[in-house]
Amino acid sequence: MKEETRETGKCMAGTIMATEVEKRIFEHKCYEAYRLYWMLSHGNTLQELSGAINSLAAELVETDPVSAATDGDSTRRLMENAEQSFLCDSGFCGAVWANKEKFLSEEFCDPDYMKTLLSLRSDGDEMWKFYQAHYMPDSSEGKKPYTNQELFHVLCEQVEMPEHLQSAMPADDVRSIKRADGLFWNRLEFGNSGNIYLEIGLESFNPEHEIIDLGCFLTQDTSLQAIEDMGKLLADLVYVMDDLVKNNREDFEWEGYRICGIKEDGQPSYASRYHQIGLTMYEVGKLLKSYPYVQLFDYSEHTESYYCTGKDNALVKCKTLEECKQKRVS
């Protein structure tokens, strides 16, 4: 990475880390709102919650007089123990809200639920916009390919940055990521200026060798610990990238076409992939001799269409399978 971009990179690393802090604060606020919403929906009140915890605190003192509150610290520990006992043991007649980890993996991932939950807050509109921007990346517009800079930010948000990291800078030139078969390329080495830098990218060999730069990480610390931390960062990035492509493969596929035949009962055949529209449509015609319908997925637009045979064996294009069933001529 060029020397003149490294100072700017410090600001970029700070921005990424600041965004992560904002997200953690946001998630905590959402969890607190969820707990209140849970109590309301189950007919419980804050007064009942406070009373239950106070009763448990009194029981703890009665059972263990040593735990009695004699100063501010002991009072805080007593109430924390009482609250923990409430969450783990008693609850409201045995029922209590989910823990934070479960909430973040379930209710928090449901946009409809979150929109309802946030609407109960006075700043609900602002929080909903934050949720859309950071947890629903495709909510404001249609899907489009990742750029290398966008993918770099996504990766950075999902790994833990080393404490000594001074720069996390995306690539200068903007490129679109249109293929999922690129290999994760990297270069981790000492720089000429007495630093350690890690460059990452995507490497492909077909139809020709190409490396799309994603970005660069830099630290001036050259200690053994710094080398180990940068190596761990690289390992985390490799894992996150592999997991991201495996679970969201079509987000990285933006070239060519996929077709499959569809039986009367809606069951699809094996899919075939082509890169030219002329050859694709020729194969659509051939498939229609064996199947009543054909589905075509256009990777460049991430849209699907359906084909059937109409009057005089004409090829009929439809938006849905239901439309095809109405227009098909046997």
C-alpha atoms as a PDB file:
ATOM      1  CA  MET A   1       0.000   0.000   0.000  1.00  0.00           C
ATOM      2  CA  LYS A   2       1.291   3.466  -0.871  1.00  0.00           C
ATOM      3  CA  GLU A   3       3.033   5.483   1.846  1.00  0.00           C
ATOM      4  CA  GLU A   4       0.817   8.544   1.330  1.00  0.00           C
ATOM      5  CA  THR A   5      -2.347   6.580   2.146  1.00  0.00           C
ATOM      6  CA  ARG A   6      -1.209   5.305   5.523  1.00  0.00           C
ATOM      7  CA  GLU A   7      -2.094   8.402   7.548  1.00  0.00           C
ATOM      8  CA  THR A   8      -5.558   8.335   6.037  1.00  0.00           C
ATOM      9  CA  GLY A   9      -5.715   4.688   7.004  1.00  0.00           C
ATOM     10  CA  LYS A  10      -5.476   5.587  10.683  1.00  0.00           C
ATOM     11  CA  CYS A  11      -8.720   7.518  10.362  1.00  0.00           C
ATOM     12  CA  MET A  12     -10.293   4.581   8.539  1.00  0.00           C
ATOM     13  CA  ALA A  13      -9.328   2.176  11.323  1.00  0.00           C
ATOM     14  CA  GLY A  14     -10.732   4.605  13.872  1.00  0.00           C
ATOM     15  CA  THR A  15     -13.993   4.882  11.939  1.00  0.00           C
ATOM     16  CA  ILE A  16     -14.402   1.092  11.752  1.00  0.00           C
ATOM     17  CA  MET A  17     -13.755   0.707  15.467  1.00  0.00           C
ATOM     18  CA  ALA A  18     -16.095   3.606  16.320  1.00  0.00           C
ATOM     19  CA  THR A  19     -18.856   1.991  14.258  1.00  0.00           C
ATOM     20  CA  GLU A  20     -18.375  -1.259  16.158  1.00  0.00           C
ATOM     21  CA  VAL A  21     -18.719   0.609  19.468  1.00  0.00           C
ATOM     22  CA  GLU A  22     -21.919   2.270  18.209  1.00  0.00           C
ATOM     23  CA  LYS A  23     -23.322  -1.126  17.214  1.00  0.00           C
ATOM     24  CA  ARG A  24     -22.562  -2.636  20.631  1.00  0.00           C
ATOM     25  CA  ILE A  25     -24.305   0.293  22.338  1.00  0.00           C
ATOM     26  CA  PHE A  26     -27.251  -0.021  19.941  1.00  0.00           C
ATOM     27  CA  GLU A  27     -27.577  -3.768  20.593  1.00  0.00           C
ATOM     28  CA  HIS A  28     -27.552  -3.149  24.351  1.00  0.00           C
ATOM     29  CA  LYS A  29     -30.334  -0.556  24.034  1.00  0.00           C
ATOM     30  CA  CYS A  30     -32.351  -2.984  21.919  1.00  0.00           C
ATOM     31  CA  TYR A  31     -31.930  -5.729  24.504  1.00  0.00           C
ATOM     32  CA  GLU A  32     -33.095  -3.435  27.302  1.00  0.00           C
ATOM     33  CA  ALA A  33     -36.137  -2.479  25.201  1.00  0.00           C
ATOM     34  CA  TYR A  34     -36.790  -6.166  24.535  1.00  0.00           C
ATOM     35  CA  ARG A  35     -36.794  -6.960  28.277  1.00  0.00           C
ATOM     36  CA  LEU A  36     -39.353  -4.228  28.946  1.00  0.00           C
ATOM     37  CA  TYR A  37     -41.441  -5.345  25.976  1.00  0.00           C
ATOM     38  CA  TRP A  38     -41.306  -8.932  27.254  1.00  0.00           C
ATOM     39  CA  MET A  39     -42.637  -7.875  30.661  1.00  0.00           C
ATOM     40  CA  LEU A  40     -45.436  -5.799  29.134  1.00  0.00           C
ATOM     41  CA  SER A  41     -46.491  -8.607  26.803  1.00  0.00           C
ATOM     42  CA  HIS A  42     -46.528 -11.037  29.756  1.00  0.00           C
ATOM     43  CA  GLY A  43     -48.507  -8.724  32.031  1.00  0.00           C
ATOM     44  CA  ASN A  44     -45.605  -7.872  34.355  1.00  0.00           C
ATOM     45  CA  THR A  45     -44.537  -4.438  35.617  1.00  0.00           C
ATOM     46  CA  LEU A  46     -41.314  -2.748  36.697  1.00  0.00           C
ATOM     47  CA  GLN A  47     -42.720  -2.565  40.221  1.00  0.00           C
ATOM     48  CA  GLU A  48     -43.156  -6.346  40.265  1.00  0.00           C
ATOM     49  CA  LEU A  49     -39.619  -6.798  38.952  1.00  0.00           C
ATOM     50  CA  SER A  50     -38.187  -4.496  41.613  1.00  0.00           C
ATOM     51  CA  GLY A  51     -40.234  -6.215  44.317  1.00  0.00           C
ATOM     52  CA  ALA A  52     -39.091  -9.677  43.254  1.00  0.00           C
ATOM     53  CA  ILE A  53     -35.409  -8.702  43.274  1.00  0.00           C
ATOM     54  CA  ASN A  54     -35.725  -6.923  46.643  1.00  0.00           C
ATOM     55  CA  SER A  55     -37.376 -10.017  48.125  1.00  0.00           C
ATOM     56  CA  LEU A  56     -34.542 -12.198  46.844  1.00  0.00           C
ATOM     57  CA  ALA A  57     -32.000  -9.755  48.312  1.00  0.00           C
ATOM     58  CA  ALA A  58     -33.726 -10.015  51.692  1.00  0.00           C
ATOM     59  CA  GLU A  59     -33.626 -13.814  51.470  1.00  0.00           C
ATOM     60  CA  LEU A  60     -29.909 -13.725  50.696  1.00  0.00           C
ATOM     61  CA  VAL A  61     -29.241 -11.574  53.773  1.00  0.00           C
ATOM     62  CA  GLU A  62     -31.356 -13.875  55.930  1.00  0.00           C
ATOM     63  CA  THR A  63     -29.538 -16.948  54.612  1.00  0.00           C
ATOM     64  CA  ASP A  64     -26.091 -15.359  54.756  1.00  0.00           C
ATOM     65  CA  PRO A  65     -25.846 -12.399  57.178  1.00  0.00           C
ATOM     66  CA  VAL A  66     -22.273 -11.782  56.012  1.00  0.00           C
ATOM     67  CA  SER A  67     -23.708 -10.638  52.680  1.00  0.00           C
ATOM     68  CA  ALA A  68     -25.661  -7.844  54.373  1.00  0.00           C
ATOM     69  CA  ALA A  69     -25.064  -4.428  52.818  1.00  0.00           C
ATOM     70  CA  THR A  70     -22.756  -2.251  54.894  1.00  0.00           C
ATOM     71  CA  ASP A  71     -21.463   0.124  52.203  1.00  0.00           C
ATOM     72  CA  GLY A  72     -21.990   1.041  48.566  1.00  0.00           C
ATOM     73  CA  ASP A  73     -19.921  -1.826  47.133  1.00  0.00           C
ATOM     74  CA  SER A  74     -21.578  -4.508  49.254  1.00  0.00           C
ATOM     75  CA  THR A  75     -25.020  -3.112  48.404  1.00  0.00           C
ATOM     76  CA  ARG A  76     -24.223  -3.315  44.702  1.00  0.00           C
ATOM     77  CA  ARG A  77     -22.933  -6.899  45.024  1.00  0.00           C
ATOM     78  CA  LEU A  78     -26.004  -7.908  47.001  1.00  0.00           C
ATOM     79  CA  MET A  79     -28.399  -6.521  44.381  1.00  0.00           C
ATOM     80  CA  GLU A  80     -26.371  -8.059  41.542  1.00  0.00           C
ATOM     81  CA  ASN A  81     -26.557 -11.465  43.225  1.00  0.00           C
ATOM     82  CA  ALA A  82     -30.286 -11.042  43.768  1.00  0.00           C
ATOM     83  CA  GLU A  83     -30.824 -10.091  40.124  1.00  0.00           C
ATOM     84  CA  GLN A  84     -28.764 -13.082  38.972  1.00  0.00           C
ATOM     85  CA  SER A  85     -30.827 -15.361  41.199  1.00  0.00           C
ATOM     86  CA  PHE A  86     -34.000 -13.909  39.694  1.00  0.00           C
ATOM     87  CA  LEU A  87     -32.787 -14.497  36.119  1.00  0.00           C
ATOM     88  CA  CYS A  88     -31.440 -18.017  36.696  1.00  0.00           C
ATOM     89  CA  ASP A  89     -33.846 -19.458  39.271  1.00  0.00           C
ATOM     90  CA  SER A  90     -37.148 -17.751  39.942  1.00  0.00           C
ATOM     91  CA  GLY A  91     -38.189 -15.232  37.295  1.00  0.00           C
ATOM     92  CA  PHE A  92     -41.892 -14.370  37.121  1.00  0.00           C
ATOM     93  CA  CYS A  93     -43.339 -17.663  38.319  1.00  0.00           C
ATOM     94  CA  GLY A  94     -40.513 -19.453  36.521  1.00  0.00           C
ATOM     95  CA  ALA A  95     -40.723 -17.425  33.283  1.00  0.00           C
ATOM     96  CA  VAL A  96     -38.219 -14.785  32.212  1.00  0.00           C
ATOM     97  CA  TRP A  97     -36.909 -13.135  29.052  1.00  0.00           C
ATOM     98  CA  ALA A  98     -34.168 -14.716  26.898  1.00  0.00           C
ATOM     99  CA  ASN A  99     -30.541 -13.898  27.583  1.00  0.00           C
ATOM    100  CA  LYS A 100     -28.807 -11.310  25.438  1.00  0.00           C
ATOM    101  CA  GLU A 101     -26.970 -13.803  23.235  1.00  0.00           C
ATOM    102  CA  LYS A 102     -30.185 -15.628  22.338  1.00  0.00           C
ATOM    103  CA  PHE A 103     -32.020 -12.348  21.740  1.00  0.00           C
ATOM    104  CA  LEU A 104     -29.314 -11.169  19.306  1.00  0.00           C
ATOM    105  CA  SER A 105     -29.436 -14.460  17.393  1.00  0.00           C
ATOM    106  CA  GLU A 106     -33.229 -14.693  17.180  1.00  0.00           C
ATOM    107  CA  GLU A 107     -35.587 -11.723  17.782  1.00  0.00           C
ATOM    108  CA  PHE A 108     -32.921  -9.197  16.821  1.00  0.00           C
ATOM    109  CA  CYS A 109     -32.564 -10.856  13.395  1.00  0.00           C
ATOM    110  CA  ASP A 110     -36.289 -10.448  12.628  1.00  0.00           C
ATOM    111  CA  PRO A 111     -36.810  -7.014  10.984  1.00  0.00           C
ATOM    112  CA  ASP A 112     -40.592  -7.076  11.526  1.00  0.00           C
ATOM    113  CA  TYR A 113     -40.162  -7.757  15.238  1.00  0.00           C
ATOM    114  CA  MET A 114     -37.469  -5.088  15.572  1.00  0.00           C
ATOM    115  CA  LYS A 115     -39.568  -2.466  13.798  1.00  0.00           C
ATOM    116  CA  THR A 116     -42.394  -3.095  16.288  1.00  0.00           C
ATOM    117  CA  LEU A 117     -40.016  -3.112  19.242  1.00  0.00           C
ATOM    118  CA  LEU A 118     -38.255   0.124  18.285  1.00  0.00           C
ATOM    119  CA  SER A 119     -41.536   1.899  17.558  1.00  0.00           C
ATOM    120  CA  LEU A 120     -42.188   1.826  21.326  1.00  0.00           C
ATOM    121  CA  ARG A 121     -39.232   4.136  21.953  1.00  0.00           C
ATOM    122  CA  SER A 122     -39.324   7.913  21.622  1.00  0.00           C
ATOM    123  CA  ASP A 123     -36.250   7.707  19.368  1.00  0.00           C
ATOM    124  CA  GLY A 124     -37.638   4.691  17.511  1.00  0.00           C
ATOM    125  CA  ASP A 125     -37.448   6.247  14.041  1.00  0.00           C
ATOM    126  CA  GLU A 126     -33.777   7.095  14.467  1.00  0.00           C
ATOM    127  CA  MET A 127     -32.985   3.650  15.870  1.00  0.00           C
ATOM    128  CA  TRP A 128     -34.888   1.919  13.058  1.00  0.00           C
ATOM    129  CA  LYS A 129     -32.806   3.815  10.485  1.00  0.00           C
ATOM    130  CA  PHE A 130     -29.646   2.686  12.279  1.00  0.00           C
ATOM    131  CA  TYR A 131     -30.908  -0.915  12.259  1.00  0.00           C
ATOM    132  CA  GLN A 132     -31.670  -0.742   8.525  1.00  0.00           C
ATOM    133  CA  ALA A 133     -28.289   0.792   7.708  1.00  0.00           C
ATOM    134  CA  HIS A 134     -26.174  -1.658   9.729  1.00  0.00           C
ATOM    135  CA  TYR A 135     -28.203  -4.870   9.888  1.00  0.00           C
ATOM    136  CA  MET A 136     -30.303  -4.741   6.703  1.00  0.00           C
ATOM    137  CA  PRO A 137     -27.796  -3.750   3.977  1.00  0.00           C
ATOM    138  CA  ASP A 138     -30.242  -4.479   1.125  1.00  0.00           C
ATOM    139  CA  SER A 139     -33.298  -2.801   2.649  1.00  0.00           C
ATOM    140  CA  SER A 140     -32.943   0.554   0.911  1.00  0.00           C
ATOM    141  CA  GLU A 141     -32.212  -0.606  -2.634  1.00  0.00           C
ATOM    142  CA  GLY A 142     -31.998  -3.618  -4.915  1.00  0.00           C
ATOM    143  CA  LYS A 143     -29.114  -6.009  -4.663  1.00  0.00           C
ATOM    144  CA  LYS A 144     -25.883  -5.160  -6.388  1.00  0.00           C
ATOM    145  CA  PRO A 145     -22.380  -6.610  -6.401  1.00  0.00           C
ATOM    146  CA  TYR A 146     -20.049  -5.865  -3.531  1.00  0.00           C
ATOM    147  CA  THR A 147     -17.274  -3.463  -4.387  1.00  0.00           C
ATOM    148  CA  ASN A 148     -13.833  -4.390  -3.113  1.00  0.00           C
ATOM    149  CA  GLN A 149     -14.010  -1.450  -0.679  1.00  0.00           C
ATOM    150  CA  GLU A 150     -17.433  -2.538   0.658  1.00  0.00           C
ATOM    151  CA  LEU A 151     -16.228  -6.118   1.092  1.00  0.00           C
ATOM    152  CA  PHE A 152     -13.158  -4.863   2.981  1.00  0.00           C
ATOM    153  CA  HIS A 153     -15.417  -3.019   5.457  1.00  0.00           C
ATOM    154  CA  VAL A 154     -17.646  -6.092   5.871  1.00  0.00           C
ATOM    155  CA  LEU A 155     -14.625  -8.231   6.706  1.00  0.00           C
ATOM    156  CA  CYS A 156     -13.264  -5.631   9.129  1.00  0.00           C
ATOM    157  CA  GLU A 157     -16.556  -5.520  11.017  1.00  0.00           C
ATOM    158  CA  GLN A 158     -16.444  -9.268  11.638  1.00  0.00           C
ATOM    159  CA  VAL A 159     -12.903  -9.648  12.993  1.00  0.00           C
ATOM    160  CA  GLU A 160     -11.173  -8.393  16.115  1.00  0.00           C
ATOM    161  CA  MET A 161      -8.549  -5.769  15.317  1.00  0.00           C
ATOM    162  CA  PRO A 162      -5.151  -5.978  17.081  1.00  0.00           C
ATOM    163  CA  GLU A 163      -4.658  -3.259  19.701  1.00  0.00           C
ATOM    164  CA  HIS A 164      -1.487  -1.996  18.056  1.00  0.00           C
ATOM    165  CA  LEU A 165      -3.063  -1.716  14.572  1.00  0.00           C
ATOM    166  CA  GLN A 166      -2.565   1.776  13.165  1.00  0.00           C
ATOM    167  CA  SER A 167      -4.165   1.525   9.748  1.00  0.00           C
ATOM    168  CA  ALA A 168      -6.970  -0.402   8.066  1.00  0.00           C
ATOM    169  CA  MET A 169      -7.204   1.051   4.575  1.00  0.00           C
ATOM    170  CA  PRO A 170      -9.413  -0.199   1.711  1.00  0.00           C
ATOM    171  CA  ALA A 171      -7.995  -0.356  -1.811  1.00  0.00           C
ATOM    172  CA  ASP A 172      -7.693   2.920  -3.738  1.00  0.00           C
ATOM    173  CA  ASP A 173      -9.412   1.759  -6.927  1.00  0.00           C
ATOM    174  CA  VAL A 174     -13.038   0.626  -6.822  1.00  0.00           C
ATOM    175  CA  ARG A 175     -13.754  -2.782  -8.362  1.00  0.00           C
ATOM    176  CA  SER A 176     -16.913  -4.887  -8.379  1.00  0.00           C
ATOM    177  CA  ILE A 177     -16.776  -8.458  -7.036  1.00  0.00           C
ATOM    178  CA  LYS A 178     -18.719 -10.533  -9.566  1.00  0.00           C
ATOM    179  CA  ARG A 179     -17.409 -14.049  -8.994  1.00  0.00           C
ATOM    180  CA  ALA A 180     -17.446 -16.400  -6.013  1.00  0.00           C
ATOM    181  CA  ASP A 181     -14.534 -18.593  -7.159  1.00  0.00           C
ATOM    182  CA  GLY A 182     -11.775 -16.110  -6.349  1.00  0.00           C
ATOM    183  CA  LEU A 183      -9.073 -17.360  -3.967  1.00  0.00           C
ATOM    184  CA  PHE A 184      -8.235 -15.326  -0.873  1.00  0.00           C
ATOM    185  CA  TRP A 185      -4.898 -13.705  -1.669  1.00  0.00           C
ATOM    186  CA  ASN A 186      -2.625 -12.150   0.978  1.00  0.00           C
ATOM    187  CA  ARG A 187       0.840 -10.790   1.604  1.00  0.00           C
ATOM    188  CA  LEU A 188       2.098 -10.404   5.181  1.00  0.00           C
ATOM    189  CA  GLU A 189       5.605  -9.025   5.540  1.00  0.00           C
ATOM    190  CA  PHE A 190       7.919  -6.396   6.981  1.00  0.00           C
ATOM    191  CA  GLY A 191       7.934  -3.080   5.138  1.00  0.00           C
ATOM    192  CA  ASN A 192      10.948  -0.947   4.274  1.00  0.00           C
ATOM    193  CA  SER A 193       9.890   1.708   6.789  1.00  0.00           C
ATOM    194  CA  GLY A 194      10.156  -0.550   9.840  1.00  0.00           C
ATOM    195  CA  ASN A 195       6.583  -1.781   9.958  1.00  0.00           C
ATOM    196  CA  ILE A 196       4.451  -4.858   9.383  1.00  0.00           C
ATOM    197  CA  TYR A 197       1.770  -4.746   6.741  1.00  0.00           C
ATOM    198  CA  LEU A 198      -0.866  -7.179   5.576  1.00  0.00           C
ATOM    199  CA  GLU A 199      -2.427  -6.840   2.137  1.00  0.00           C
ATOM    200  CA  ILE A 200      -5.478  -8.886   1.160  1.00  0.00           C
ATOM    201  CA  GLY A 201      -7.303  -9.462  -2.102  1.00  0.00           C
ATOM    202  CA  LEU A 202      -9.137 -11.962  -4.310  1.00  0.00           C
ATOM    203  CA  GLU A 203      -7.174 -13.932  -6.907  1.00  0.00           C
ATOM    204  CA  SER A 204      -8.631 -15.659  -9.980  1.00  0.00           C
ATOM    205  CA  PHE A 205      -7.025 -17.513 -12.907  1.00  0.00           C
ATOM    206  CA  ASN A 206      -9.850 -17.885 -15.430  1.00  0.00           C
ATOM    207  CA  PRO A 207     -10.033 -16.496 -18.053  1.00  0.00           C
ATOM    208  CA  GLU A 208      -6.775 -14.776 -17.041  1.00  0.00           C
ATOM    209  CA  HIS A 209      -4.756 -14.264 -13.866  1.00  0.00           C
ATOM    210  CA  GLU A 210      -6.055 -11.318 -11.849  1.00  0.00           C
ATOM    211  CA  ILE A 211      -5.845 -10.019  -8.286  1.00  0.00           C
ATOM    212  CA  ILE A 212      -8.489  -7.602  -7.032  1.00  0.00           C
ATOM    213  CA  ASP A 213      -7.084  -5.647  -4.089  1.00  0.00           C
ATOM    214  CA  LEU A 214      -9.349  -5.404  -1.047  1.00  0.00           C
ATOM    215  CA  GLY A 215      -7.169  -3.390   1.311  1.00  0.00           C
ATOM    216  CA  CYS A 216      -4.230  -3.218   3.678  1.00  0.00           C
ATOM    217  CA  PHE A 217      -3.545  -3.347   7.444  1.00  0.00           C
ATOM    218  CA  LEU A 218      -0.493  -1.666   8.950  1.00  0.00           C
ATOM    219  CA  THR A 219       1.283  -1.496  12.291  1.00  0.00           C
ATOM    220  CA  GLN A 220       4.557   0.215  13.251  1.00  0.00           C
ATOM    221  CA  ASP A 221       5.020  -2.351  16.029  1.00  0.00           C
ATOM    222  CA  THR A 222       7.509  -5.019  14.919  1.00  0.00           C
ATOM    223  CA  SER A 223       7.602  -7.060  18.129  1.00  0.00           C
ATOM    224  CA  LEU A 224       7.040 -10.821  18.196  1.00  0.00           C
ATOM    225  CA  GLN A 225       3.605 -10.213  19.723  1.00  0.00           C
ATOM    226  CA  ALA A 226       2.707  -7.857  16.869  1.00  0.00           C
ATOM    227  CA  ILE A 227       3.742 -10.501  14.310  1.00  0.00           C
ATOM    228  CA  GLU A 228       1.584 -13.103  16.068  1.00  0.00           C
ATOM    229  CA  ASP A 229      -1.377 -10.701  16.244  1.00  0.00           C
ATOM    230  CA  MET A 230      -1.142  -9.847  12.536  1.00  0.00           C
ATOM    231  CA  GLY A 231      -0.960 -13.574  11.758  1.00  0.00           C
ATOM    232  CA  LYS A 232      -4.101 -14.156  13.834  1.00  0.00           C
ATOM    233  CA  LEU A 233      -5.824 -11.268  12.020  1.00  0.00           C
ATOM    234  CA  LEU A 234      -4.989 -12.929   8.702  1.00  0.00           C
ATOM    235  CA  ALA A 235      -6.356 -16.288   9.886  1.00  0.00           C
ATOM    236  CA  ASP A 236      -9.579 -14.617  11.067  1.00  0.00           C
ATOM    237  CA  LEU A 237      -9.993 -12.819   7.737  1.00  0.00           C
ATOM    238  CA  VAL A 238      -9.536 -16.074   5.794  1.00  0.00           C
ATOM    239  CA  TYR A 239     -12.158 -17.814   7.944  1.00  0.00           C
ATOM    240  CA  VAL A 240     -14.677 -14.952   7.755  1.00  0.00           C
ATOM    241  CA  MET A 241     -14.286 -14.612   3.984  1.00  0.00           C
ATOM    242  CA  ASP A 242     -14.768 -18.349   3.434  1.00  0.00           C
ATOM    243  CA  ASP A 243     -17.840 -18.401   5.691  1.00  0.00           C
ATOM    244  CA  LEU A 244     -19.292 -15.314   4.004  1.00  0.00           C
ATOM    245  CA  VAL A 245     -19.058 -16.836   0.527  1.00  0.00           C
ATOM    246  CA  LYS A 246     -20.361 -20.249   1.646  1.00  0.00           C
ATOM    247  CA  ASN A 247     -23.465 -18.781   3.276  1.00  0.00           C
ATOM    248  CA  ASN A 248     -24.134 -15.997   0.748  1.00  0.00           C
ATOM    249  CA  ARG A 249     -22.799 -17.404  -2.493  1.00  0.00           C
ATOM    250  CA  GLU A 250     -25.266 -15.652  -4.793  1.00  0.00           C
ATOM    251  CA  ASP A 251     -24.175 -12.286  -3.365  1.00  0.00           C
ATOM    252  CA  PHE A 252     -20.844 -12.968  -5.076  1.00  0.00           C
ATOM    253  CA  GLU A 253     -22.167 -14.377  -8.347  1.00  0.00           C
ATOM    254  CA  TRP A 254     -22.925 -11.706 -10.968  1.00  0.00           C
ATOM    255  CA  GLU A 255     -21.938 -13.287 -14.278  1.00  0.00           C
ATOM    256  CA  GLY A 256     -23.774 -15.735 -16.529  1.00  0.00           C
ATOM    257  CA  TYR A 257     -27.087 -17.554 -16.423  1.00  0.00           C
ATOM    258  CA  ARG A 258     -28.515 -20.621 -14.684  1.00  0.00           C
ATOM    259  CA  ILE A 259     -31.367 -22.683 -16.115  1.00  0.00           C
ATOM    260  CA  CYS A 260     -33.309 -25.740 -15.000  1.00  0.00           C
ATOM    261  CA  GLY A 261     -36.388 -27.612 -16.181  1.00  0.00           C
ATOM    262  CA  ILE A 262     -39.492 -27.682 -13.979  1.00  0.00           C
ATOM    263  CA  LYS A 263     -41.979 -30.516 -13.840  1.00  0.00           C
ATOM    264  CA  GLU A 264     -45.757 -30.120 -13.570  1.00  0.00           C
ATOM    265  CA  ASP A 265     -45.549 -30.666  -9.815  1.00  0.00           C
ATOM    266  CA  GLY A 266     -42.998 -27.856  -9.502  1.00  0.00           C
ATOM    267  CA  GLN A 267     -39.959 -30.084  -8.943  1.00  0.00           C
ATOM    268  CA  PRO A 268     -36.824 -28.692 -10.655  1.00  0.00           C
ATOM    269  CA  SER A 269     -34.233 -30.623 -12.631  1.00  0.00           C
ATOM    270  CA  TYR A 270     -30.496 -30.287 -12.184  1.00  0.00           C
ATOM    271  CA  ALA A 271     -29.372 -26.747 -13.017  1.00  0.00           C
ATOM    272  CA  SER A 272     -26.899 -25.851 -15.774  1.00  0.00           C
ATOM    273  CA  ARG A 273     -24.743 -22.715 -15.976  1.00  0.00           C
ATOM    274  CA  TYR A 274     -23.904 -20.731 -19.135  1.00  0.00           C
ATOM    275  CA  HIS A 275     -22.053 -17.495 -19.790  1.00  0.00           C
ATOM    276  CA  GLN A 276     -23.613 -16.359 -23.099  1.00  0.00           C
ATOM    277  CA  ILE A 277     -27.274 -15.452 -23.514  1.00  0.00           C
ATOM    278  CA  GLY A 278     -27.463 -16.946 -27.047  1.00  0.00           C
ATOM    279  CA  LEU A 279     -26.334 -20.383 -25.905  1.00  0.00           C
ATOM    280  CA  THR A 280     -28.515 -20.076 -22.800  1.00  0.00           C
ATOM    281  CA  MET A 281     -31.695 -19.484 -24.825  1.00  0.00           C
ATOM    282  CA  TYR A 282     -30.802 -22.334 -27.166  1.00  0.00           C
ATOM    283  CA  GLU A 283     -30.610 -24.647 -24.141  1.00  0.00           C
ATOM    284  CA  VAL A 284     -33.919 -23.259 -22.838  1.00  0.00           C
ATOM    285  CA  GLY A 285     -35.560 -24.396 -26.077  1.00  0.00           C
ATOM    286  CA  LYS A 286     -34.043 -27.863 -25.751  1.00  0.00           C
ATOM    287  CA  LEU A 287     -35.182 -28.208 -22.128  1.00  0.00           C
ATOM    288  CA  LEU A 288     -38.764 -27.337 -23.082  1.00  0.00           C
ATOM    289  CA  LYS A 289     -38.874 -30.520 -25.145  1.00  0.00           C
ATOM    290  CA  SER A 290     -38.466 -32.520 -21.924  1.00  0.00           C
ATOM    291  CA  TYR A 291     -40.079 -30.242 -19.323  1.00  0.00           C
ATOM    292  CA  PRO A 292     -43.232 -28.093 -19.433  1.00  0.00           C
ATOM    293  CA  TYR A 293     -41.442 -25.089 -17.889  1.00  0.00           C
ATOM    294  CA  VAL A 294     -37.926 -23.711 -17.603  1.00  0.00           C
ATOM    295  CA  GLN A 295     -36.588 -21.325 -14.995  1.00  0.00           C
ATOM    296  CA  LEU A 296     -33.814 -18.899 -15.982  1.00  0.00           C
ATOM    297  CA  PHE A 297     -31.800 -17.006 -13.392  1.00  0.00           C
ATOM    298  CA  ASP A 298     -29.871 -13.979 -14.677  1.00  0.00           C
ATOM    299  CA  TYR A 299     -26.872 -13.453 -12.409  1.00  0.00           C
ATOM    300  CA  SER A 300     -26.132  -9.987 -13.774  1.00  0.00           C
ATOM    301  CA  GLU A 301     -29.494  -8.719 -12.491  1.00  0.00           C
ATOM    302  CA  HIS A 302     -30.182 -11.361  -9.835  1.00  0.00           C
ATOM    303  CA  THR A 303     -33.637 -11.859 -11.335  1.00  0.00           C
ATOM    304  CA  GLU A 304     -35.467 -14.988 -12.442  1.00  0.00           C
ATOM    305  CA  SER A 305     -37.921 -15.591 -15.261  1.00  0.00           C
ATOM    306  CA  TYR A 306     -39.851 -18.574 -16.568  1.00  0.00           C
ATOM    307  CA  TYR A 307     -40.412 -19.947 -20.056  1.00  0.00           C
ATOM    308  CA  CYS A 308     -43.017 -22.204 -21.639  1.00  0.00           C
ATOM    309  CA  THR A 309     -44.306 -23.045 -25.111  1.00  0.00           C
ATOM    310  CA  GLY A 310     -47.204 -20.983 -26.428  1.00  0.00           C
ATOM    311  CA  LYS A 311     -49.191 -20.941 -29.648  1.00  0.00           C
ATOM    312  CA  ASP A 312     -47.364 -22.200 -32.743  1.00  0.00           C
ATOM    313  CA  ASN A 313     -44.557 -23.431 -30.471  1.00  0.00           C
ATOM    314  CA  ALA A 314     -43.564 -19.849 -29.743  1.00  0.00           C
ATOM    315  CA  LEU A 315     -41.362 -19.253 -26.714  1.00  0.00           C
ATOM    316  CA  VAL A 316     -43.292 -17.441 -23.973  1.00  0.00           C
ATOM    317  CA  LYS A 317     -41.470 -15.538 -21.216  1.00  0.00           C
ATOM    318  CA  CYS A 318     -43.206 -15.041 -17.861  1.00  0.00           C
ATOM    319  CA  LYS A 319     -42.361 -13.405 -14.542  1.00  0.00           C
ATOM    320  CA  THR A 320     -43.724 -16.248 -12.422  1.00  0.00           C
ATOM    321  CA  LEU A 321     -44.331 -19.971 -12.707  1.00  0.00           C
ATOM    322  CA  GLU A 322     -48.049 -19.376 -12.096  1.00  0.00           C
ATOM    323  CA  GLU A 323     -48.197 -17.071 -15.116  1.00  0.00           C
ATOM    324  CA  CYS A 324     -46.437 -19.724 -17.202  1.00  0.00           C
ATOM    325  CA  LYS A 325     -49.004 -22.346 -16.197  1.00  0.00           C
ATOM    326  CA  GLN A 326     -51.791 -20.069 -17.451  1.00  0.00           C
ATOM    327  CA  LYS A 327     -50.115 -19.245 -20.774  1.00  0.00           C
ATOM    328  CA  ARG A 328     -48.679 -22.646 -21.662  1.00  0.00           C
ATOM    329  CA  VAL A 329     -50.202 -24.442 -24.626  1.00  0.00           C
ATOM    330  CA  SER A 330     -49.923 -28.251 -24.335  1.00  0.00           C
END
